[in-house]
Amino acid sequence: MDDTLFRFDYHGCLEVLLRRIEEPAPSRIQLLTGPRQVGKTTLLLELAGSLGDRAIYAAADSPEASLPGHWERMWAKVDAMLNRTERIVVLLDEVHRLPDWAARLKAEWDRLRRTAANIHVIATGSSALDLTWGSHESLAGRFERLTLSHWSAAALAARFGLPKDEAVMLAVQKGTYPGGMPLVGDPARWTAYVRDAVVEPAISRDILELADVRRPGLLRQVFAACTVSPAQILSLQKMQGRLRDPGALETIAHYLHLLEEAYLVSALDKHSGQPLRRRAAPPKLVVLNNALLAAMDPRGIPDAGTEPARFGAWVENACLAYAWNAGQQVRYWRREPFEVDAVLEGSWGRWALEVKTGMVESEDLRGLAEFTRLHPDYSPLLLCDPEQTGTTVRWSIPTLSWPEFLWSGPAAATPPQS
């Protein structure tokens, strides 16, 4: 995806949009996309509430939107409001559900530009696929794209009044979908919510209805394979061998791309000093919200005491997904026999991460030492269990507990002590 610098959490996205609608109008259309069930509609309604009679909200998936002439009547209402109000903000929810939405929006935006109307337009959609393709085809130069990402542990705690430790553990064990919070105490209902409200719409509506998917069953198998392989480097050939109905490697790679466009899975590239050919190295699979692991993995949520390896993989997946959702570029690095779990670059700076649960040994840090020797412009960072942070100072590597990282990123990393 090409929106690395424009992914925000709920409050960050709200702040950006509030700033942009204070710019001279008509400015570029703000296209807001993001995963299912992260609050895009809630955000538009909050904007509408804060703007009062300066805003008009319309949902393209509402029953009245299917009636003939609905689009024309809505814009006539906007024009009438402009006669009474200095500035109007038009909020279009699920805009990609409108037939020929991009061409229609282009025509209105061009009209606004010609008349210098003091109108801003914000449109949302759950599918990056349709918003991206439609906007690039018809709206070139007329839009800016923002992504409302999966929620962080801190955002979850702020909205629901959770203690820090509880919010962080929820991020690992049950993910961060705000709509699932009332159901976390009822595992069966919570699992049904994630599958029915997130997974099924994302696959059946956001991918299958909009993309060229000739083998829907294979797409679902690829997604299922990702949810049982979190934070694993998995070649396409190995993934092919795990599928009931193996497909061509090109098909599997294409389906991984579609799953990323639907904000379900990211196939991380390998860090290299040289440009890589596509699929020149096996991807590292990161499921972008641990709720998807908990709902889809038939083994259920791992226990740190009885399944330390699987729990460690879920912790690593949560850390890498958090960085990806925060707009960082996330890759991995491997040069046998050395490996680094994640290489981050973005607003947080440049970091090489090793995520380790359980006892930390010097052997676990060889990859970090080798990578930072070869790439001294990256800072090493060990993420470990809270009780291990005090035992690692002798290795002179900045250290942070993984719960602290999931709360606020690498900013609070403890520098090495001499």
Protein backbone atom coordinates (compact mmCIF):
# COMPACT_ATOMS: atom_id res chain seq x y z
CA MET A 1 0.00 0.00 0.00
CA ASP A 2 1.20 3.54 -0.71
CA ASP A 3 -0.39 5.40 2.19
CA THR A 4 2.37 4.75 4.74
CA LEU A 5 2.65 8.36 5.83
CA PHE A 6 -1.10 8.89 6.11
CA ARG A 7 -2.27 6.21 8.55
CA PHE A 8 -3.72 7.56 11.78
CA ASP A 9 -5.56 6.33 14.81
CA TYR A 10 -9.08 7.60 15.50
CA HIS A 11 -8.13 10.79 17.33
CA GLY A 12 -5.22 11.56 15.01
CA CYS A 13 -7.48 11.20 11.98
CA LEU A 14 -10.11 13.45 13.54
CA GLU A 15 -7.52 16.13 14.25
CA VAL A 16 -6.17 16.02 10.68
CA LEU A 17 -9.65 16.36 9.17
CA LEU A 18 -10.57 19.23 11.49
CA ARG A 19 -7.45 21.09 10.37
CA ARG A 20 -8.07 20.44 6.70
CA ILE A 21 -11.65 21.65 6.68
CA GLU A 22 -10.40 24.99 8.01
CA GLU A 23 -8.32 25.43 4.85
CA PRO A 24 -9.67 27.59 2.00
CA ALA A 25 -12.45 25.75 0.16
CA PRO A 26 -13.01 23.99 -2.08
CA SER A 27 -9.85 22.03 -1.25
CA ARG A 28 -9.06 18.50 -2.33
CA ILE A 29 -11.59 15.80 -1.51
CA GLN A 30 -10.57 13.89 1.61
CA LEU A 31 -10.93 10.14 0.95
CA LEU A 32 -10.93 8.25 4.24
CA THR A 33 -10.49 4.50 4.06
CA GLY A 34 -9.59 1.88 6.64
CA PRO A 35 -10.46 -1.50 8.11
CA ARG A 36 -13.97 -2.54 8.93
CA GLN A 37 -15.29 -1.75 12.41
CA VAL A 38 -12.70 0.88 13.38
CA GLY A 39 -15.11 3.83 13.56
CA LYS A 40 -15.17 5.60 10.20
CA THR A 41 -18.92 6.22 10.42
CA THR A 42 -18.58 7.24 14.07
CA LEU A 43 -15.86 9.69 13.09
CA LEU A 44 -18.03 11.29 10.39
CA LEU A 45 -20.95 11.58 12.82
CA GLU A 46 -18.65 13.15 15.42
CA LEU A 47 -17.49 15.62 12.80
CA ALA A 48 -21.10 16.37 11.87
CA GLY A 49 -21.96 16.94 15.52
CA SER A 50 -19.06 19.33 16.04
CA LEU A 51 -19.89 21.30 12.88
CA GLY A 52 -23.61 21.61 13.55
CA ASP A 53 -25.54 23.22 10.70
CA ARG A 54 -22.35 23.57 8.67
CA ALA A 55 -22.37 19.83 7.90
CA ILE A 56 -24.50 17.50 5.83
CA TYR A 57 -24.11 13.76 6.34
CA ALA A 58 -25.24 11.17 3.79
CA ALA A 59 -24.74 7.39 3.86
CA ALA A 60 -24.44 5.82 0.42
CA ASP A 61 -25.46 2.42 1.78
CA SER A 62 -28.72 3.71 3.32
CA PRO A 63 -32.11 2.70 1.83
CA GLU A 64 -32.85 6.21 0.56
CA ALA A 65 -29.55 6.29 -1.33
CA SER A 66 -30.92 3.64 -3.68
CA LEU A 67 -33.88 5.80 -4.72
CA PRO A 68 -33.73 7.55 -8.12
CA GLY A 69 -32.51 11.14 -7.92
CA HIS A 70 -31.05 10.81 -4.40
CA TRP A 71 -27.61 12.11 -5.43
CA GLU A 72 -29.07 15.15 -7.21
CA ARG A 73 -31.40 15.96 -4.31
CA MET A 74 -28.53 15.81 -1.84
CA TRP A 75 -26.44 18.33 -3.79
CA ALA A 76 -29.44 20.58 -4.27
CA LYS A 77 -29.75 20.55 -0.47
CA VAL A 78 -26.07 21.44 -0.18
CA ASP A 79 -26.50 24.39 -2.54
CA ALA A 80 -29.52 25.59 -0.60
CA MET A 81 -27.60 25.35 2.68
CA LEU A 82 -24.74 27.39 1.22
CA ASN A 83 -27.12 30.32 0.83
CA ARG A 84 -27.62 30.32 4.60
CA THR A 85 -24.23 29.19 5.90
CA GLU A 86 -20.76 30.55 5.28
CA ARG A 87 -19.09 27.14 4.82
CA ILE A 88 -20.43 23.62 4.21
CA VAL A 89 -18.77 20.26 4.89
CA VAL A 90 -20.28 17.35 2.96
CA LEU A 91 -19.73 13.98 4.67
CA LEU A 92 -20.30 11.00 2.36
CA ASP A 93 -20.20 7.64 4.14
CA GLU A 94 -19.45 4.41 2.22
CA VAL A 95 -19.31 6.42 -0.99
CA HIS A 96 -18.09 3.48 -3.06
CA ARG A 97 -21.53 1.92 -2.71
CA LEU A 98 -22.88 4.52 -5.14
CA PRO A 99 -22.85 3.44 -8.79
CA ASP A 100 -20.14 5.27 -10.72
CA TRP A 101 -19.27 7.15 -7.54
CA ALA A 102 -15.88 8.52 -8.66
CA ALA A 103 -17.20 10.08 -11.87
CA ARG A 104 -20.14 11.61 -10.00
CA LEU A 105 -17.89 13.05 -7.33
CA LYS A 106 -15.50 14.39 -9.96
CA ALA A 107 -18.33 16.24 -11.67
CA GLU A 108 -19.46 17.86 -8.41
CA TRP A 109 -15.93 18.79 -7.38
CA ASP A 110 -15.27 20.37 -10.77
CA ARG A 111 -18.50 22.36 -10.40
CA LEU A 112 -17.44 23.52 -6.94
CA ARG A 113 -14.09 24.67 -8.32
CA ARG A 114 -15.70 26.59 -11.16
CA THR A 115 -18.08 28.41 -8.83
CA ALA A 116 -15.50 28.75 -6.01
CA ALA A 117 -18.10 27.31 -3.64
CA ASN A 118 -17.04 27.27 0.00
CA ILE A 119 -17.61 23.54 0.38
CA HIS A 120 -15.37 20.75 1.69
CA VAL A 121 -15.99 17.08 0.89
CA ILE A 122 -15.00 14.11 3.05
CA ALA A 123 -15.83 10.61 1.77
CA THR A 124 -15.28 7.23 3.41
CA GLY A 125 -15.16 3.64 2.27
CA SER A 126 -14.20 0.33 3.85
CA SER A 127 -12.39 -0.87 0.76
CA ALA A 128 -9.06 0.55 -0.25
CA LEU A 129 -9.49 -1.41 -3.46
CA ASP A 130 -12.44 0.52 -4.81
CA LEU A 131 -11.49 3.89 -3.35
CA THR A 132 -8.00 3.60 -4.79
CA TRP A 133 -8.93 2.38 -8.24
CA GLY A 134 -11.91 4.70 -8.62
CA SER A 135 -10.08 7.76 -7.33
CA HIS A 136 -7.01 7.25 -9.47
CA GLU A 137 -9.15 6.76 -12.56
CA SER A 138 -11.51 9.72 -12.17
CA LEU A 139 -10.24 11.92 -9.36
CA ALA A 140 -6.57 12.35 -10.20
CA GLY A 141 -5.31 15.57 -8.61
CA ARG A 142 -8.58 16.15 -6.82
CA PHE A 143 -8.21 14.06 -3.66
CA GLU A 144 -6.04 13.22 -0.67
CA ARG A 145 -6.23 9.79 0.89
CA LEU A 146 -6.17 9.12 4.64
CA THR A 147 -6.33 5.79 6.44
CA LEU A 148 -8.06 5.30 9.78
CA SER A 149 -6.06 2.35 11.07
CA HIS A 150 -6.72 -0.38 13.59
CA TRP A 151 -6.88 0.99 17.12
CA SER A 152 -3.91 0.94 19.47
CA ALA A 153 -3.97 -0.29 23.06
CA ALA A 154 -3.72 3.31 24.28
CA ALA A 155 -6.71 4.38 22.17
CA LEU A 156 -8.72 1.44 23.48
CA ALA A 157 -7.83 2.35 27.07
CA ALA A 158 -8.75 6.00 26.56
CA ARG A 159 -12.14 5.23 25.01
CA PHE A 160 -13.21 2.49 27.45
CA GLY A 161 -11.43 3.53 30.63
CA LEU A 162 -9.21 0.44 30.78
CA PRO A 163 -6.07 0.09 32.88
CA LYS A 164 -2.90 0.15 30.81
CA ASP A 165 -1.92 -3.48 31.47
CA GLU A 166 -5.40 -4.74 30.63
CA ALA A 167 -5.54 -2.80 27.35
CA VAL A 168 -2.14 -4.08 26.26
CA MET A 169 -3.03 -7.69 27.02
CA LEU A 170 -6.31 -7.28 25.14
CA ALA A 171 -4.33 -6.03 22.13
CA VAL A 172 -2.35 -9.28 22.17
CA GLN A 173 -5.08 -11.77 23.05
CA LYS A 174 -8.24 -10.31 21.49
CA GLY A 175 -7.15 -7.38 19.37
CA THR A 176 -8.49 -3.84 19.37
CA TYR A 177 -11.82 -3.65 17.56
CA PRO A 178 -13.83 -1.15 19.63
CA GLY A 179 -17.14 -2.70 18.57
CA GLY A 180 -16.13 -6.00 20.13
CA MET A 181 -15.44 -4.57 23.57
CA PRO A 182 -18.94 -5.20 25.00
CA LEU A 183 -18.57 -8.87 24.03
CA VAL A 184 -15.05 -9.73 25.26
CA GLY A 185 -16.48 -11.54 28.28
CA ASP A 186 -18.54 -13.86 26.06
CA PRO A 187 -16.04 -15.72 23.83
CA ALA A 188 -18.64 -17.27 21.52
CA ARG A 189 -20.42 -13.99 20.81
CA TRP A 190 -17.14 -12.10 20.49
CA THR A 191 -15.81 -14.62 17.95
CA ALA A 192 -19.05 -14.43 15.98
CA TYR A 193 -18.78 -10.63 15.95
CA VAL A 194 -15.24 -10.66 14.52
CA ARG A 195 -16.11 -13.24 11.88
CA ASP A 196 -19.48 -11.77 10.88
CA ALA A 197 -18.77 -8.05 11.19
CA VAL A 198 -15.13 -7.93 10.13
CA VAL A 199 -13.82 -10.98 8.30
CA GLU A 200 -16.79 -11.94 6.15
CA PRO A 201 -17.63 -8.40 4.92
CA ALA A 202 -13.96 -7.65 4.25
CA ILE A 203 -13.58 -10.77 2.12
CA SER A 204 -16.98 -11.14 0.49
CA ARG A 205 -17.74 -7.43 -0.08
CA ASP A 206 -14.47 -5.53 -0.03
CA ILE A 207 -12.47 -8.08 -2.02
CA LEU A 208 -14.67 -10.54 -3.90
CA GLU A 209 -17.12 -7.92 -5.19
CA LEU A 210 -14.41 -5.54 -6.35
CA ALA A 211 -11.33 -7.50 -7.38
CA ASP A 212 -10.54 -10.15 -9.96
CA VAL A 213 -10.74 -13.25 -7.76
CA ARG A 214 -11.31 -16.35 -9.82
CA ARG A 215 -10.88 -18.74 -6.91
CA PRO A 216 -12.68 -17.39 -3.83
CA GLY A 217 -12.07 -20.58 -1.89
CA LEU A 218 -8.33 -20.26 -2.40
CA LEU A 219 -8.40 -16.64 -1.20
CA ARG A 220 -10.07 -17.75 2.03
CA GLN A 221 -7.48 -20.53 2.44
CA VAL A 222 -4.63 -18.05 2.02
CA PHE A 223 -6.18 -15.84 4.72
CA ALA A 224 -6.65 -18.82 7.04
CA ALA A 225 -3.03 -19.87 6.49
CA CYS A 226 -1.89 -16.38 7.51
CA THR A 227 -3.89 -16.44 10.75
CA VAL A 228 -2.13 -19.61 11.93
CA SER A 229 1.31 -18.29 10.89
CA PRO A 230 1.59 -14.87 12.58
CA ALA A 231 4.98 -13.15 12.35
CA GLN A 232 6.41 -16.00 10.30
CA ILE A 233 8.65 -15.71 7.25
CA LEU A 234 6.87 -18.02 4.85
CA SER A 235 7.81 -18.55 1.24
CA LEU A 236 5.03 -18.73 -1.31
CA GLN A 237 6.07 -22.29 -2.04
CA LYS A 238 5.63 -23.29 1.61
CA MET A 239 2.29 -21.53 1.77
CA GLN A 240 1.27 -23.31 -1.41
CA GLY A 241 2.01 -26.62 0.30
CA ARG A 242 -0.26 -25.73 3.25
CA LEU A 243 -3.33 -25.04 1.12
CA ARG A 244 -5.97 -27.64 0.40
CA ASP A 245 -6.25 -26.37 -3.18
CA PRO A 246 -2.79 -25.16 -4.18
CA GLY A 247 -2.78 -22.34 -6.68
CA ALA A 248 -0.09 -20.73 -8.79
CA LEU A 249 2.49 -18.70 -6.90
CA GLU A 250 1.41 -15.58 -8.79
CA THR A 251 -2.18 -16.15 -7.65
CA ILE A 252 -1.14 -16.57 -4.02
CA ALA A 253 0.96 -13.39 -4.18
CA HIS A 254 -1.97 -11.52 -5.72
CA TYR A 255 -4.32 -12.71 -2.98
CA LEU A 256 -1.86 -11.60 -0.29
CA HIS A 257 -1.89 -8.15 -1.88
CA LEU A 258 -5.70 -8.09 -1.83
CA LEU A 259 -5.74 -9.10 1.84
CA GLU A 260 -3.47 -6.14 2.60
CA GLU A 261 -5.71 -3.77 0.65
CA ALA A 262 -8.57 -5.00 2.87
CA TYR A 263 -6.47 -4.28 6.01
CA LEU A 264 -6.38 -7.91 7.11
CA VAL A 265 -2.80 -9.10 6.50
CA SER A 266 0.47 -7.48 5.48
CA ALA A 267 3.19 -9.48 3.73
CA LEU A 268 6.33 -7.65 4.86
CA ASP A 269 9.25 -7.24 2.48
CA LYS A 270 12.81 -8.08 3.35
CA HIS A 271 15.06 -5.11 4.11
CA SER A 272 17.86 -4.79 1.59
CA GLY A 273 20.25 -2.14 0.45
CA GLN A 274 19.29 -2.96 -3.11
CA PRO A 275 15.85 -2.75 -4.77
CA LEU A 276 14.20 -6.17 -4.65
CA ARG A 277 12.40 -7.84 -7.47
CA ARG A 278 8.83 -8.60 -6.50
CA ARG A 279 8.76 -11.82 -4.46
CA ALA A 280 12.58 -12.07 -4.66
CA ALA A 281 12.50 -12.90 -0.92
CA PRO A 282 9.80 -14.70 1.05
CA PRO A 283 7.38 -12.38 2.87
CA LYS A 284 6.91 -12.15 6.60
CA LEU A 285 3.21 -12.46 7.41
CA VAL A 286 1.71 -10.01 9.88
CA VAL A 287 -2.00 -10.14 10.68
CA LEU A 288 -2.99 -6.52 11.22
CA ASN A 289 -5.21 -7.05 14.26
CA ASN A 290 -4.74 -9.89 16.74
CA ALA A 291 -8.52 -10.25 16.96
CA LEU A 292 -8.28 -11.99 13.60
CA LEU A 293 -5.89 -14.53 15.10
CA ALA A 294 -8.13 -15.18 18.08
CA ALA A 295 -11.26 -15.58 15.96
CA MET A 296 -9.75 -17.70 13.20
CA ASP A 297 -7.10 -19.93 14.77
CA PRO A 298 -8.79 -23.21 15.79
CA ARG A 299 -6.28 -23.61 18.62
CA GLY A 300 -7.66 -20.53 20.36
CA ILE A 301 -5.74 -17.92 22.34
CA PRO A 302 -2.32 -19.18 23.51
CA ASP A 303 -1.37 -19.27 27.16
CA ALA A 304 2.04 -17.80 27.94
CA GLY A 305 2.79 -20.58 30.43
CA THR A 306 1.75 -23.65 28.46
CA GLU A 307 2.37 -22.39 24.88
CA PRO A 308 5.29 -19.98 25.19
CA ALA A 309 6.35 -20.17 21.53
CA ARG A 310 2.89 -19.48 20.14
CA PHE A 311 2.29 -16.73 22.70
CA GLY A 312 5.60 -15.17 21.68
CA ALA A 313 4.54 -15.21 18.04
CA TRP A 314 1.28 -13.41 18.96
CA VAL A 315 3.24 -10.78 20.92
CA GLU A 316 5.60 -10.23 17.99
CA ASN A 317 2.67 -10.03 15.58
CA ALA A 318 0.95 -7.44 17.80
CA CYS A 319 4.11 -5.31 17.96
CA LEU A 320 4.71 -5.37 14.20
CA ALA A 321 1.03 -4.75 13.43
CA TYR A 322 1.03 -1.78 15.81
CA ALA A 323 4.00 -0.25 13.99
CA TRP A 324 2.38 -0.86 10.57
CA ASN A 325 -0.92 0.64 11.70
CA ALA A 326 0.94 3.67 13.07
CA GLY A 327 2.19 4.45 9.56
CA GLN A 328 5.73 3.13 9.89
CA GLN A 329 7.40 1.25 7.08
CA VAL A 330 7.91 -2.25 8.48
CA ARG A 331 10.24 -4.83 6.99
CA TYR A 332 12.34 -7.70 8.29
CA TRP A 333 15.98 -8.63 7.77
CA ARG A 334 17.68 -11.98 7.39
CA ARG A 335 21.15 -12.98 6.32
CA GLU A 336 21.93 -16.50 7.42
CA PRO A 337 22.57 -17.21 10.20
CA PHE A 338 21.39 -13.78 11.41
CA GLU A 339 17.87 -12.39 11.54
CA VAL A 340 16.09 -9.27 12.83
CA ASP A 341 12.37 -9.42 13.60
CA ALA A 342 11.53 -5.98 12.24
CA VAL A 343 13.20 -2.99 10.62
CA LEU A 344 11.19 0.21 11.13
CA GLU A 345 11.47 3.51 9.31
CA GLY A 346 9.17 6.50 9.61
CA SER A 347 8.07 9.12 12.10
CA TRP A 348 9.40 6.99 14.96
CA GLY A 349 12.88 7.05 13.45
CA ARG A 350 14.94 4.10 12.24
CA TRP A 351 14.91 1.03 14.44
CA ALA A 352 15.91 -2.62 14.26
CA LEU A 353 13.70 -4.66 16.60
CA GLU A 354 14.12 -8.00 18.24
CA VAL A 355 10.99 -9.22 20.04
CA LYS A 356 11.69 -11.83 22.70
CA THR A 357 9.37 -13.32 25.30
CA GLY A 358 10.76 -15.52 28.04
CA MET A 359 14.42 -15.64 29.07
CA VAL A 360 16.76 -13.45 26.99
CA GLU A 361 20.14 -14.94 26.06
CA SER A 362 23.08 -13.29 24.32
CA GLU A 363 22.43 -15.57 21.33
CA ASP A 364 19.08 -13.82 20.81
CA LEU A 365 20.86 -10.51 20.13
CA ARG A 366 23.35 -11.61 17.46
CA GLY A 367 21.03 -10.53 14.66
CA LEU A 368 20.63 -7.02 16.10
CA ALA A 369 24.38 -6.66 16.52
CA GLU A 370 25.11 -7.78 12.97
CA PHE A 371 22.39 -5.66 11.39
CA THR A 372 23.43 -2.46 13.17
CA ARG A 373 27.07 -3.15 12.29
CA LEU A 374 26.06 -3.24 8.62
CA HIS A 375 23.49 -0.42 8.97
CA PRO A 376 24.72 1.98 11.69
CA ASP A 377 21.98 4.52 10.84
CA TYR A 378 19.44 2.20 12.53
CA SER A 379 19.15 1.99 16.33
CA PRO A 380 18.82 -1.47 17.86
CA LEU A 381 15.94 -2.14 20.25
CA LEU A 382 15.17 -5.26 22.25
CA LEU A 383 11.53 -5.80 23.22
CA CYS A 384 11.21 -8.26 26.07
CA ASP A 385 9.07 -9.26 29.04
CA PRO A 386 8.92 -6.57 31.76
CA GLU A 387 10.83 -8.72 34.23
CA GLN A 388 13.68 -9.17 31.73
CA THR A 389 14.42 -5.49 31.12
CA GLY A 390 16.77 -5.26 34.09
CA THR A 391 18.83 -8.27 33.02
CA THR A 392 19.82 -6.99 29.58
CA VAL A 393 21.87 -3.88 30.41
CA ARG A 394 25.14 -5.80 30.22
CA TRP A 395 24.68 -6.16 26.44
CA SER A 396 24.57 -2.38 25.85
CA ILE A 397 21.44 -2.54 23.69
CA PRO A 398 18.45 -0.22 24.26
CA THR A 399 15.65 -2.19 25.88
CA LEU A 400 11.91 -1.78 26.27
CA SER A 401 9.23 -4.12 27.53
CA TRP A 402 6.86 -5.21 24.79
CA PRO A 403 3.83 -3.96 26.81
CA GLU A 404 5.42 -0.51 26.91
CA PHE A 405 6.11 -0.64 23.17
CA LEU A 406 2.48 -1.58 22.47
CA TRP A 407 1.43 1.38 24.57
CA SER A 408 3.58 4.16 23.13
CA GLY A 409 6.06 2.85 20.55
CA PRO A 410 9.84 3.03 20.94
CA ALA A 411 10.06 6.53 22.46
CA ALA A 412 10.50 5.26 26.01
CA ALA A 413 13.32 2.84 25.14
CA THR A 414 15.98 2.59 27.86
CA PRO A 415 19.38 3.62 26.44
CA PRO A 416 22.35 1.33 27.04
CA GLN A 417 24.21 1.91 30.27
CA SER A 418 27.98 2.13 30.37
